[in-house]
């Protein structure tokens, strides 16, 4: 019996800026797509991550400790 071909819904394109791992300006930029439409950009740096949603101009800065707390809540429920 032939297998059904599964089409990928999400894709990510990465761009790495490394001046020096501990210096400001070093980052990993991830462009995130769903069904070939850009849903956001995540910029990962040493102090925090930035999120630009879809076609928005404003960014949201999330410190690593806040990000970790949100992920723990999502993964494991309330504290």
C-alpha atoms as a PDB file:
ATOM      1  CA  UNK A   1       0.000   0.000   0.000  1.00  0.00           C
ATOM      2  CA  UNK A   2       1.566   3.342  -1.025  1.00  0.00           C
ATOM      3  CA  UNK A   3       2.206   5.894   1.695  1.00  0.00           C
ATOM      4  CA  UNK A   4       0.418   9.199   1.686  1.00  0.00           C
ATOM      5  CA  UNK A   5       2.740  12.124   1.034  1.00  0.00           C
ATOM      6  CA  UNK A   6       2.686  14.591   3.914  1.00  0.00           C
ATOM      7  CA  UNK A   7       3.160  18.244   3.033  1.00  0.00           C
ATOM      8  CA  UNK A   8       5.138  20.348   5.499  1.00  0.00           C
ATOM      9  CA  UNK A   9       3.132  23.148   7.047  1.00  0.00           C
ATOM     10  CA  UNK A  10       5.966  25.009   8.773  1.00  0.00           C
ATOM     11  CA  UNK A  11       9.443  26.025   7.674  1.00  0.00           C
ATOM     12  CA  UNK A  12      12.206  28.116   9.222  1.00  0.00           C
ATOM     13  CA  UNK A  13      15.005  30.080   7.571  1.00  0.00           C
ATOM     14  CA  UNK A  14      18.018  30.958   9.724  1.00  0.00           C
ATOM     15  CA  UNK A  15      20.620  33.714   9.552  1.00  0.00           C
ATOM     16  CA  UNK A  16      23.509  33.655  12.039  1.00  0.00           C
ATOM     17  CA  UNK A  17      25.389  36.851  13.012  1.00  0.00           C
ATOM     18  CA  UNK A  18      28.415  35.947  15.122  1.00  0.00           C
ATOM     19  CA  UNK A  19      30.837  38.717  15.982  1.00  0.00           C
ATOM     20  CA  UNK A  20      31.858  37.105  19.233  1.00  0.00           C
ATOM     21  CA  UNK A  21      29.506  34.954  21.288  1.00  0.00           C
ATOM     22  CA  UNK A  22      29.563  37.304  24.285  1.00  0.00           C
ATOM     23  CA  UNK A  23      29.377  40.596  22.369  1.00  0.00           C
ATOM     24  CA  UNK A  24      26.262  42.619  21.698  1.00  0.00           C
ATOM     25  CA  UNK A  25      25.138  42.283  18.101  1.00  0.00           C
ATOM     26  CA  UNK A  26      25.658  38.528  17.911  1.00  0.00           C
ATOM     27  CA  UNK A  27      22.362  36.848  17.145  1.00  0.00           C
ATOM     28  CA  UNK A  28      20.498  34.075  15.408  1.00  0.00           C
ATOM     29  CA  UNK A  29      17.613  35.346  13.270  1.00  0.00           C
ATOM     30  CA  UNK A  30      14.821  32.878  12.491  1.00  0.00           C
ATOM     31  CA  UNK A  31      12.166  33.677   9.867  1.00  0.00           C
ATOM     32  CA  UNK A  32       9.187  31.397  10.561  1.00  0.00           C
ATOM     33  CA  UNK A  33       6.658  30.416   7.886  1.00  0.00           C
ATOM     34  CA  UNK A  34       3.346  28.541   7.869  1.00  0.00           C
ATOM     35  CA  UNK A  35       1.941  27.440   4.517  1.00  0.00           C
ATOM     36  CA  UNK A  36       4.640  29.556   2.810  1.00  0.00           C
ATOM     37  CA  UNK A  37       3.406  32.751   4.528  1.00  0.00           C
ATOM     38  CA  UNK A  38       5.686  34.481   7.038  1.00  0.00           C
ATOM     39  CA  UNK A  39       4.159  34.334  10.530  1.00  0.00           C
ATOM     40  CA  UNK A  40       7.022  35.951  12.407  1.00  0.00           C
ATOM     41  CA  UNK A  41      10.688  36.552  13.053  1.00  0.00           C
ATOM     42  CA  UNK A  42      12.528  35.540  16.210  1.00  0.00           C
ATOM     43  CA  UNK A  43      15.909  37.107  16.970  1.00  0.00           C
ATOM     44  CA  UNK A  44      17.841  35.168  19.587  1.00  0.00           C
ATOM     45  CA  UNK A  45      20.650  36.968  21.403  1.00  0.00           C
ATOM     46  CA  UNK A  46      22.659  36.423  24.561  1.00  0.00           C
ATOM     47  CA  UNK A  47      20.436  38.599  26.786  1.00  0.00           C
ATOM     48  CA  UNK A  48      16.963  37.974  25.403  1.00  0.00           C
ATOM     49  CA  UNK A  49      14.907  37.108  22.377  1.00  0.00           C
ATOM     50  CA  UNK A  50      12.902  39.463  20.190  1.00  0.00           C
ATOM     51  CA  UNK A  51       9.673  38.564  18.404  1.00  0.00           C
ATOM     52  CA  UNK A  52       8.280  40.372  15.369  1.00  0.00           C
ATOM     53  CA  UNK A  53       4.867  38.937  14.531  1.00  0.00           C
ATOM     54  CA  UNK A  54       3.932  38.466  10.867  1.00  0.00           C
ATOM     55  CA  UNK A  55       3.951  41.806   9.065  1.00  0.00           C
ATOM     56  CA  UNK A  56       4.299  43.928  12.194  1.00  0.00           C
ATOM     57  CA  UNK A  57       6.935  46.609  12.699  1.00  0.00           C
ATOM     58  CA  UNK A  58       6.968  46.599  16.518  1.00  0.00           C
ATOM     59  CA  UNK A  59       8.946  43.991  18.399  1.00  0.00           C
ATOM     60  CA  UNK A  60       8.455  42.298  21.750  1.00  0.00           C
ATOM     61  CA  UNK A  61      11.567  41.771  23.896  1.00  0.00           C
ATOM     62  CA  UNK A  62      11.406  38.712  26.167  1.00  0.00           C
ATOM     63  CA  UNK A  63      14.201  38.160  28.729  1.00  0.00           C
ATOM     64  CA  UNK A  64      15.420  34.544  28.989  1.00  0.00           C
ATOM     65  CA  UNK A  65      14.107  34.048  32.544  1.00  0.00           C
ATOM     66  CA  UNK A  66      10.618  35.206  31.472  1.00  0.00           C
ATOM     67  CA  UNK A  67      10.763  32.980  28.387  1.00  0.00           C
ATOM     68  CA  UNK A  68      11.765  29.964  30.522  1.00  0.00           C
ATOM     69  CA  UNK A  69       8.869  30.604  32.940  1.00  0.00           C
ATOM     70  CA  UNK A  70       6.363  30.841  30.049  1.00  0.00           C
ATOM     71  CA  UNK A  71       7.673  27.639  28.446  1.00  0.00           C
ATOM     72  CA  UNK A  72       7.525  25.779  31.786  1.00  0.00           C
ATOM     73  CA  UNK A  73       3.920  26.912  32.230  1.00  0.00           C
ATOM     74  CA  UNK A  74       2.991  25.811  28.708  1.00  0.00           C
ATOM     75  CA  UNK A  75       4.762  22.465  29.024  1.00  0.00           C
ATOM     76  CA  UNK A  76       3.937  21.538  32.617  1.00  0.00           C
ATOM     77  CA  UNK A  77       0.937  23.657  33.616  1.00  0.00           C
ATOM     78  CA  UNK A  78       0.700  26.213  36.368  1.00  0.00           C
ATOM     79  CA  UNK A  79       3.350  26.253  39.085  1.00  0.00           C
END
